[in-house]
Structure formats: structure tokens, C-alpha cells
Amino acid sequence: MIQREIASVIQDFRKWFPIVYLGGPRQSGKTTLLRNLVPELPYASLEDADARRRAEEDPRRFLNSFPGGAILDEAQRVPQLFNYLQGYVDSDKNRRFILSGSQNFLLMEQITQSLAGRVGILNLLPFSIFETESYKPVQRLEEFVWRGGYPGIQGETAIPPEVFFDSYIQTYLERDVRLLKNVGDISSFGNFMRLCAGRIGQPLNLASLATDAGVAPNTVKSWISVLEASYLVFRLSPYFENYSKRLIKSPKLYFLDTGLLCNLMGITSPSQLETHHHFGNIIENALIVELYKKRTNAGKRPRFWFWQDQKNNEVDLLIEEDGRLKAVEIKSSQTYNSRLVSGLKHWQKLTGSSPENQYLVYAGDQEGELEYGQLLSWRSGIDRV
């Protein structure tokens, strides 16, 4: 079993909170991690029809069957349980529960209503590059980006990525999307996912996306929320600090796993990825998500933005952390040249940012100090930024 970076954080949260919630996309390894990490707690999946029926018909009897607590998987399937969990953990400090789920919208609604102040919230995403390297070294960035980090495509019994993702997408559409009332046409939603994949790293134009998808702009908004709630995408918001009145105000969209992203784009091999017209955006997506995972695996909430003005001056990623605002430019080039730092140069001139807070992360191996920041290879960039 590949060691998960978040494991020690879960144990810390169990000391601090009577209930821990571990969210994340389907098949990211939540169940395997929790059952191995906390073997003393009994496990119940509320996707199992019998367990769900018992919990729905008699919530008290169901919870009383776990006098020391339990791991309750896909807990959002029985929302009435949340009304009872509060009383159980308040009356018995030794009773501890771990909830897990793959539908953030449904579960977080119940948590904020019933369990506020009693639950520690964490998320488990697919394997990071460093988690994968604990099993097998990542020789080429392109190979990892194409394959992605889902456990099912790693290890000795790995499923071929195209087989895994075709099945994953179909299961997601048939099981998860149908649970949400604001999604009617499953086929159109699948096409919408592919259209979103083609727009990664670009300011989100809802009107254009709605036209291409053949749905209303409000439907696009709700469908993006569904993808976010399923931990498949996240929105990177623009940064505003009065540095310019003419700023791009639309967010950018990124996928939380680049293997899924490549599958939706029809990319069938690392060599095809390298020649794809979206190659630069896909590498940008991959490295931003690795920095995102680094923080979620440490139990932190990433404070990420991008900055761009209407003259196309931009910084790919701004990170607010430890009282600093870090500016990060990400490039797919393996060769350094001065044009790669144009965004950082403009940002420094505009804001007075110190070079020690600026980074150029690229696909090459050369590293060093630059006038406008630090030049880092992709591996060092993930580790040091």
C-alpha cells in the first residue's frame, strides 16, 4: 500500500475533533486509507442497500450498533443521520466517527447545518507525484501527467488508463450525476465535461461554454458546481488588489487529476500529449494541482489565485501563505530563456514584489537565482514552492 501524506494529519484531527470528514473524488483511496489507518473502528458503507435501509428506518438503532464510533462511508446518502450524530458525540466523548464522501455539496450542507464546530474537514485527492514515487520513481513528467494519480492505475495490478477512465466517467455519470436534481440530460453533461477539458487554464467564458454545450448559461453554472462538488475540478479565482483597474475578472478552471483531463481530451499516450496543442495548459494544470495537493495533504486550505490584465500580462499562480504572497510562473518548456520571466518581471514592476517571493517553475533541469525570481525544475518547484 502506498503511504498517503495525509495519514498523520487525519490522526491529529482525530485527537482534536469528535468527527472527522474525509472528502475526495470516487476511487481516490479514501476507504482503503481509513480502514488501514483506523482498523479499530468498524466500517459501514451507506452505498450498501441494506446498511442504508437500516440507517434510514431506524437511525438511533443504527448508530447504537457502534458504541465506540465508526467509519461511515458515503454518509451523505442518509442525511437524517447528521441530526443524531451531534447528540451522540456530545453525550459520549469516547465515541468518535469518521465520515467520508465523494459528493461535497450534499455532505457539506449537512455538516454546516448539524455538526458545525464538531467536525474537522480534510480532503484526499488522487496520488501526488511524491506519493507515487514512494512506489515507483517518476522518470518523465509527461508520463505522470498522462496517467494521473488515481490508485486504480498504479501498482502491479494497474488498470490501463483508457480502460479505467472510460469506466470511471460512465460510472460517475450514471451514479453520482443522477443523484443531483439539477442535472437532467446525462449525455449532454458528458459532452459538457469534454468541453470544460478543452478550456483549462483559460478565463472562463460562461456564454461561450453554454453555446457550445447547447444549454443555458445558468445551467453551465450549476453543472460546474456539480463537477466541483464531485472533486473533479476547481476554480482558480482572479486576484484583486487595485494593481490595475483593467483586470480579467473571470475565474479559470482546472481538473484535479490530469489523467482524467487527458482522457476527456482524447489523449491516448504521453507522446501524443507532448504534441497536443493544449500541452502547455495541461502541464500548467498538473503543476498547479500538485501544489494544491501539497497543501490539502498537510490539512491546509490552499489560498490560490491568478492575476491577468486585459493586455495579457499575467502570473499563472499567486499563493498567499505565511504572510507572503508568492508569484509562480509555470512553463512547459525544457529550455530556459528570458522570455519565460516576462510575467514575473511585470509583476515585480507593478507590485514591488521581492525576487525571493517569485518562482519560475519549468519542465527543464537547470536551476538558479534570476533577477526576477528563482528558476526551479518542476520537481524542485513542487517541493519548494
Protein backbone atom coordinates (compact mmCIF):
# COMPACT_ATOMS: atom_id res chain seq x y z
CA MET A 1 0.00 0.00 0.00
CA ILE A 2 1.35 3.43 -1.00
CA GLN A 3 1.80 5.67 2.04
CA ARG A 4 -0.54 8.66 1.94
CA GLU A 5 0.87 12.03 3.02
CA ILE A 6 -2.38 12.99 4.77
CA ALA A 7 -2.34 9.97 7.12
CA SER A 8 -0.64 11.71 10.06
CA VAL A 9 -2.93 14.73 9.65
CA ILE A 10 -6.00 12.50 9.96
CA GLN A 11 -4.64 11.10 13.22
CA ASP A 12 -4.07 14.64 14.53
CA PHE A 13 -7.61 15.65 13.58
CA ARG A 14 -8.98 12.61 15.41
CA LYS A 15 -7.41 13.95 18.60
CA TRP A 16 -8.92 17.40 18.09
CA PHE A 17 -12.42 16.63 16.76
CA PRO A 18 -15.04 14.00 17.70
CA ILE A 19 -15.93 13.72 14.00
CA VAL A 20 -13.53 13.84 11.04
CA TYR A 21 -14.80 14.25 7.50
CA LEU A 22 -12.58 12.97 4.67
CA GLY A 23 -13.85 14.05 1.27
CA GLY A 24 -12.48 13.38 -2.17
CA PRO A 25 -13.39 12.03 -5.59
CA ARG A 26 -14.54 8.47 -6.07
CA GLN A 27 -11.71 5.91 -6.11
CA SER A 28 -9.12 8.32 -4.70
CA GLY A 29 -8.33 5.78 -1.96
CA LYS A 30 -10.43 7.07 0.97
CA THR A 31 -11.82 3.70 2.04
CA THR A 32 -8.50 1.86 1.74
CA LEU A 33 -6.70 4.56 3.70
CA LEU A 34 -9.23 4.80 6.52
CA ARG A 35 -9.67 1.05 7.00
CA ASN A 36 -5.90 0.57 7.22
CA LEU A 37 -5.26 3.69 9.28
CA VAL A 38 -8.03 3.14 11.85
CA PRO A 39 -8.58 -0.65 11.95
CA GLU A 40 -10.14 -0.46 15.43
CA LEU A 41 -13.23 1.34 14.09
CA PRO A 42 -15.95 -0.73 12.39
CA TYR A 43 -16.77 0.23 8.81
CA ALA A 44 -20.15 0.72 7.15
CA SER A 45 -20.79 1.85 3.59
CA LEU A 46 -24.07 3.68 3.14
CA GLU A 47 -23.99 2.89 -0.54
CA ASP A 48 -24.77 -0.67 0.50
CA ALA A 49 -28.54 -1.01 0.18
CA ASP A 50 -29.01 -3.00 3.40
CA ALA A 51 -26.91 -0.66 5.54
CA ARG A 52 -28.62 2.37 4.04
CA ARG A 53 -32.06 0.94 4.72
CA ARG A 54 -31.19 0.24 8.36
CA ALA A 55 -29.84 3.75 8.81
CA GLU A 56 -32.86 5.35 7.16
CA GLU A 57 -35.50 3.33 9.00
CA ASP A 58 -34.00 3.49 12.49
CA PRO A 59 -31.10 5.99 12.80
CA ARG A 60 -30.79 5.54 16.58
CA ARG A 61 -30.53 1.76 16.39
CA PHE A 62 -28.05 2.04 13.55
CA LEU A 63 -25.74 4.41 15.48
CA ASN A 64 -26.19 2.44 18.73
CA SER A 65 -24.63 -0.53 16.97
CA PHE A 66 -21.34 1.42 17.02
CA PRO A 67 -20.77 2.17 20.73
CA GLY A 68 -17.18 3.29 20.15
CA GLY A 69 -17.80 5.06 16.86
CA ALA A 70 -17.37 4.00 13.24
CA ILE A 71 -16.22 4.87 9.75
CA LEU A 72 -19.34 5.81 7.77
CA ASP A 73 -18.63 5.85 4.04
CA GLU A 74 -20.74 7.92 1.60
CA ALA A 75 -22.54 9.37 4.62
CA GLN A 76 -24.41 11.94 2.51
CA ARG A 77 -26.68 9.11 1.31
CA VAL A 78 -28.52 9.17 4.68
CA PRO A 79 -28.77 12.85 5.67
CA GLN A 80 -31.01 12.18 8.70
CA LEU A 81 -28.05 10.58 10.48
CA PHE A 82 -26.49 14.00 10.95
CA ASN A 83 -29.31 15.11 13.22
CA TYR A 84 -28.37 12.33 15.64
CA LEU A 85 -24.57 12.37 15.37
CA GLN A 86 -24.32 15.68 17.19
CA GLY A 87 -26.08 14.34 20.26
CA TYR A 88 -24.11 11.09 20.29
CA VAL A 89 -20.67 12.72 20.30
CA ASP A 90 -21.77 15.43 22.75
CA SER A 91 -23.02 12.88 25.26
CA ASP A 92 -20.09 10.45 24.93
CA LYS A 93 -16.63 11.92 24.45
CA ASN A 94 -15.18 8.47 23.71
CA ARG A 95 -17.42 7.90 20.71
CA ARG A 96 -15.62 9.02 17.56
CA PHE A 97 -16.79 8.93 13.96
CA ILE A 98 -15.07 9.32 10.63
CA LEU A 99 -17.29 10.32 7.72
CA SER A 100 -16.20 10.02 4.12
CA GLY A 101 -17.90 11.02 0.92
CA SER A 102 -17.49 11.82 -2.75
CA GLN A 103 -20.26 14.41 -3.04
CA ASN A 104 -19.00 17.52 -1.28
CA PHE A 105 -22.13 19.59 -1.93
CA LEU A 106 -24.52 17.11 -0.31
CA LEU A 107 -22.28 16.29 2.64
CA MET A 108 -21.09 19.81 3.46
CA GLU A 109 -24.69 21.04 3.53
CA GLN A 110 -25.43 18.55 6.30
CA ILE A 111 -22.19 19.31 8.17
CA THR A 112 -22.76 23.06 8.29
CA GLN A 113 -26.34 22.59 9.47
CA SER A 114 -25.86 19.87 12.09
CA LEU A 115 -22.20 19.43 13.03
CA ALA A 116 -20.64 22.89 12.98
CA GLY A 117 -17.76 23.09 15.44
CA ARG A 118 -17.62 19.32 15.96
CA VAL A 119 -16.05 18.19 12.71
CA GLY A 120 -12.59 18.53 11.21
CA ILE A 121 -12.66 18.67 7.42
CA LEU A 122 -9.99 17.13 5.17
CA ASN A 123 -9.81 16.09 1.52
CA LEU A 124 -7.99 13.18 -0.12
CA LEU A 125 -7.16 13.70 -3.78
CA PRO A 126 -5.53 11.16 -6.14
CA PHE A 127 -1.86 10.36 -5.55
CA SER A 128 0.59 13.24 -5.73
CA ILE A 129 3.82 12.82 -7.65
CA PHE A 130 5.74 12.31 -4.40
CA GLU A 131 3.25 9.69 -3.16
CA THR A 132 3.61 7.85 -6.47
CA GLU A 133 7.40 7.99 -6.18
CA SER A 134 7.26 6.16 -2.88
CA TYR A 135 6.27 3.15 -5.01
CA LYS A 136 7.97 3.84 -8.34
CA PRO A 137 10.18 6.76 -9.45
CA VAL A 138 8.58 9.21 -11.87
CA GLN A 139 11.14 9.45 -14.67
CA ARG A 140 9.18 11.71 -17.00
CA LEU A 141 6.71 14.41 -16.06
CA GLU A 142 4.68 13.73 -19.22
CA GLU A 143 4.15 10.09 -18.25
CA PHE A 144 2.73 11.01 -14.84
CA VAL A 145 0.59 13.81 -16.26
CA TRP A 146 -0.96 11.50 -18.85
CA ARG A 147 -1.52 8.65 -16.42
CA GLY A 148 -2.75 10.74 -13.48
CA GLY A 149 -2.82 9.81 -9.82
CA TYR A 150 -5.84 7.56 -9.27
CA PRO A 151 -4.83 4.44 -7.29
CA GLY A 152 -6.56 2.13 -9.76
CA ILE A 153 -3.98 2.87 -12.46
CA GLN A 154 -0.97 2.50 -10.14
CA GLY A 155 0.85 -0.57 -8.82
CA GLU A 156 1.29 -4.12 -10.01
CA THR A 157 -2.40 -4.64 -10.80
CA ALA A 158 -2.81 -1.31 -12.59
CA ILE A 159 -5.73 -0.92 -14.98
CA PRO A 160 -4.79 0.65 -18.35
CA PRO A 161 -5.67 4.38 -18.09
CA GLU A 162 -8.04 4.41 -21.07
CA VAL A 163 -9.99 1.45 -19.61
CA PHE A 164 -10.04 2.93 -16.12
CA PHE A 165 -11.20 6.41 -17.13
CA ASP A 166 -13.82 5.27 -19.64
CA SER A 167 -15.39 3.18 -16.87
CA TYR A 168 -14.87 5.93 -14.27
CA ILE A 169 -16.66 8.57 -16.35
CA GLN A 170 -19.56 6.26 -17.17
CA THR A 171 -19.97 5.26 -13.51
CA TYR A 172 -19.74 8.90 -12.43
CA LEU A 173 -22.46 9.95 -14.87
CA GLU A 174 -24.79 7.07 -14.01
CA ARG A 175 -24.35 7.06 -10.22
CA ASP A 176 -23.28 10.48 -8.99
CA VAL A 177 -24.67 12.91 -11.51
CA ARG A 178 -28.11 11.28 -11.46
CA LEU A 179 -28.30 11.89 -7.69
CA LEU A 180 -28.27 15.64 -8.26
CA LYS A 181 -31.61 17.12 -9.22
CA ASN A 182 -30.22 19.92 -11.38
CA VAL A 183 -28.74 17.50 -13.95
CA GLY A 184 -31.26 16.05 -16.34
CA ASP A 185 -29.54 15.06 -19.58
CA ILE A 186 -26.64 12.74 -18.72
CA SER A 187 -25.38 12.59 -22.31
CA SER A 188 -25.21 16.38 -22.55
CA PHE A 189 -23.40 16.50 -19.22
CA GLY A 190 -20.74 14.10 -20.53
CA ASN A 191 -20.21 16.35 -23.55
CA PHE A 192 -20.03 19.32 -21.18
CA MET A 193 -17.17 17.66 -19.28
CA ARG A 194 -15.18 17.34 -22.50
CA LEU A 195 -15.84 20.98 -23.36
CA CYS A 196 -14.57 22.00 -19.92
CA ALA A 197 -11.40 19.96 -20.52
CA GLY A 198 -10.73 21.99 -23.66
CA ARG A 199 -10.88 25.24 -21.68
CA ILE A 200 -8.42 24.57 -18.87
CA GLY A 201 -6.15 27.43 -17.92
CA GLN A 202 -8.29 29.99 -19.75
CA PRO A 203 -10.57 32.66 -18.23
CA LEU A 204 -13.97 31.04 -18.07
CA ASN A 205 -16.45 32.38 -20.62
CA LEU A 206 -19.83 31.07 -19.49
CA ALA A 207 -21.70 32.37 -22.54
CA SER A 208 -19.32 30.66 -24.97
CA LEU A 209 -19.36 27.43 -22.99
CA ALA A 210 -23.17 27.48 -22.83
CA THR A 211 -23.40 27.98 -26.60
CA ASP A 212 -21.05 25.09 -27.33
CA ALA A 213 -22.83 22.83 -24.83
CA GLY A 214 -26.28 23.77 -26.13
CA VAL A 215 -27.61 24.76 -22.70
CA ALA A 216 -28.43 27.97 -20.84
CA PRO A 217 -25.67 29.94 -19.02
CA ASN A 218 -27.37 29.24 -15.66
CA THR A 219 -27.21 25.52 -16.45
CA VAL A 220 -23.47 25.86 -17.10
CA LYS A 221 -23.06 27.48 -13.68
CA SER A 222 -24.92 24.67 -11.93
CA TRP A 223 -23.07 21.96 -13.86
CA ILE A 224 -19.68 23.44 -12.97
CA SER A 225 -20.83 23.36 -9.34
CA VAL A 226 -21.61 19.65 -9.78
CA LEU A 227 -18.07 19.00 -11.07
CA GLU A 228 -16.64 20.95 -8.14
CA ALA A 229 -18.84 19.11 -5.64
CA SER A 230 -17.56 15.81 -7.06
CA TYR A 231 -13.93 16.89 -6.60
CA LEU A 232 -13.23 16.73 -10.33
CA VAL A 233 -12.46 20.41 -10.98
CA PHE A 234 -11.71 23.57 -9.08
CA ARG A 235 -11.96 27.23 -9.97
CA LEU A 236 -8.92 29.48 -9.64
CA SER A 237 -10.16 32.98 -8.87
CA PRO A 238 -8.54 36.19 -10.14
CA TYR A 239 -6.59 38.28 -7.64
CA PHE A 240 -7.68 41.88 -6.99
CA GLU A 241 -5.53 44.38 -5.10
CA ASN A 242 -6.01 47.61 -7.06
CA TYR A 243 -2.91 46.86 -9.14
CA SER A 244 -4.88 47.69 -12.25
CA LYS A 245 -8.46 48.64 -12.99
CA ARG A 246 -8.42 46.65 -16.22
CA LEU A 247 -8.21 43.13 -14.88
CA ILE A 248 -9.59 39.83 -16.11
CA LYS A 249 -12.41 39.08 -13.66
CA SER A 250 -13.42 35.57 -14.74
CA PRO A 251 -12.01 32.52 -12.91
CA LYS A 252 -10.01 29.77 -14.57
CA LEU A 253 -10.97 26.10 -14.49
CA TYR A 254 -8.57 23.25 -13.66
CA PHE A 255 -9.02 19.49 -13.28
CA LEU A 256 -7.89 17.84 -10.04
CA ASP A 257 -6.46 14.88 -11.97
CA THR A 258 -4.67 15.26 -15.29
CA GLY A 259 -5.19 11.62 -16.23
CA LEU A 260 -8.93 12.26 -16.33
CA LEU A 261 -8.27 15.52 -18.17
CA CYS A 262 -6.19 13.78 -20.85
CA ASN A 263 -8.84 11.09 -21.29
CA LEU A 264 -11.56 13.70 -21.81
CA MET A 265 -9.32 15.35 -24.43
CA GLY A 266 -8.82 12.05 -26.25
CA ILE A 267 -5.08 11.91 -25.50
CA THR A 268 -4.07 8.24 -25.57
CA SER A 269 -0.31 8.33 -24.86
CA PRO A 270 2.45 10.52 -23.39
CA SER A 271 3.88 11.08 -26.88
CA GLN A 272 0.51 12.38 -28.10
CA LEU A 273 0.36 14.63 -25.04
CA GLU A 274 3.72 16.22 -25.93
CA THR A 275 2.46 17.26 -29.37
CA HIS A 276 -1.03 18.31 -28.27
CA HIS A 277 -1.98 21.93 -28.88
CA HIS A 278 -3.03 22.24 -25.20
CA PHE A 279 0.25 20.78 -23.91
CA GLY A 280 1.31 23.98 -22.14
CA ASN A 281 -2.06 24.36 -20.40
CA ILE A 282 -2.07 20.70 -19.33
CA ILE A 283 1.41 21.00 -17.76
CA GLU A 284 0.28 24.21 -16.04
CA ASN A 285 -2.79 22.36 -14.73
CA ALA A 286 -0.63 19.47 -13.49
CA LEU A 287 1.85 21.58 -11.53
CA ILE A 288 -0.79 23.86 -10.01
CA VAL A 289 -2.69 20.78 -8.83
CA GLU A 290 0.49 19.27 -7.35
CA LEU A 291 0.99 22.45 -5.32
CA TYR A 292 -2.70 22.26 -4.37
CA LYS A 293 -2.34 18.62 -3.21
CA LYS A 294 0.76 19.50 -1.21
CA ARG A 295 -1.34 21.83 0.93
CA THR A 296 -4.50 19.73 1.21
CA ASN A 297 -2.37 16.73 2.23
CA ALA A 298 -0.99 18.91 5.05
CA GLY A 299 -4.51 19.75 6.21
CA LYS A 300 -4.35 23.31 4.87
CA ARG A 301 -6.81 25.22 2.77
CA PRO A 302 -4.95 26.43 -0.34
CA ARG A 303 -5.19 30.19 -0.88
CA PHE A 304 -4.57 30.28 -4.62
CA TRP A 305 -5.28 32.93 -7.25
CA PHE A 306 -4.06 34.05 -10.66
CA TRP A 307 -3.51 37.57 -11.98
CA GLN A 308 -4.11 38.80 -15.51
CA ASP A 309 -4.88 42.14 -17.09
CA GLN A 310 -6.52 42.93 -20.41
CA LYS A 311 -3.12 43.42 -22.07
CA ASN A 312 -2.37 39.73 -21.35
CA ASN A 313 0.19 40.46 -18.66
CA GLU A 314 -0.29 37.58 -16.24
CA VAL A 315 1.03 35.46 -13.41
CA ASP A 316 -0.15 31.83 -13.50
CA LEU A 317 -0.43 31.35 -9.74
CA LEU A 318 -0.39 33.55 -6.63
CA ILE A 319 -0.13 31.79 -3.27
CA GLU A 320 -0.85 33.61 0.00
CA GLU A 321 0.97 31.76 2.76
CA ASP A 322 2.89 32.54 5.95
CA GLY A 323 2.38 36.27 5.48
CA ARG A 324 3.85 36.16 1.97
CA LEU A 325 2.36 36.44 -1.49
CA LYS A 326 4.26 34.09 -3.80
CA ALA A 327 4.13 34.63 -7.56
CA VAL A 328 4.62 31.48 -9.66
CA GLU A 329 5.01 31.22 -13.41
CA ILE A 330 4.72 27.71 -14.88
CA LYS A 331 6.16 26.80 -18.28
CA SER A 332 6.21 23.55 -20.25
CA SER A 333 9.49 24.44 -21.97
CA GLN A 334 12.57 22.37 -21.13
CA THR A 335 14.86 25.23 -22.14
CA TYR A 336 15.21 28.44 -20.16
CA ASN A 337 15.15 31.80 -21.93
CA SER A 338 14.49 35.32 -20.67
CA ARG A 339 11.02 35.48 -22.25
CA LEU A 340 9.80 32.96 -19.69
CA VAL A 341 10.09 35.53 -16.89
CA SER A 342 8.15 38.33 -18.61
CA GLY A 343 5.15 37.80 -16.33
CA LEU A 344 7.28 37.88 -13.19
CA LYS A 345 9.14 40.94 -14.46
CA HIS A 346 5.87 42.83 -14.98
CA TRP A 347 4.52 41.67 -11.59
CA GLN A 348 7.65 42.87 -9.79
CA LYS A 349 7.49 46.26 -11.51
CA LEU A 350 3.80 46.62 -10.68
CA THR A 351 3.86 45.45 -7.05
CA GLY A 352 7.43 45.77 -5.84
CA SER A 353 7.49 42.06 -5.07
CA SER A 354 10.82 40.67 -3.85
CA PRO A 355 12.59 38.15 -6.14
CA GLU A 356 12.67 35.70 -3.22
CA ASN A 357 8.85 35.54 -3.46
CA GLN A 358 8.85 34.83 -7.21
CA TYR A 359 9.36 31.50 -8.93
CA LEU A 360 9.69 30.25 -12.47
CA VAL A 361 8.86 26.52 -12.48
CA TYR A 362 9.52 24.79 -15.81
CA ALA A 363 9.97 21.36 -17.35
CA GLY A 364 13.76 21.60 -17.60
CA ASP A 365 16.55 20.73 -15.16
CA GLN A 366 18.56 23.96 -14.86
CA GLU A 367 18.12 25.88 -11.59
CA GLY A 368 19.42 29.12 -10.13
CA GLU A 369 18.79 32.66 -8.97
CA LEU A 370 17.36 35.11 -11.52
CA GLU A 371 16.93 38.86 -11.40
CA TYR A 372 13.16 38.38 -11.25
CA GLY A 373 12.92 35.25 -9.12
CA GLN A 374 14.12 31.70 -8.65
CA LEU A 375 14.43 29.25 -11.54
CA LEU A 376 13.26 25.79 -10.45
CA SER A 377 12.81 22.46 -12.19
CA TRP A 378 9.32 21.02 -11.98
CA ARG A 379 10.36 18.56 -9.27
CA SER A 380 12.05 21.22 -7.12
CA GLY A 381 9.19 23.60 -7.76
CA ILE A 382 6.63 21.20 -6.31
CA ASP A 383 8.87 20.59 -3.30
CA ARG A 384 9.94 24.16 -2.55
CA VAL A 385 7.10 26.49 -3.52
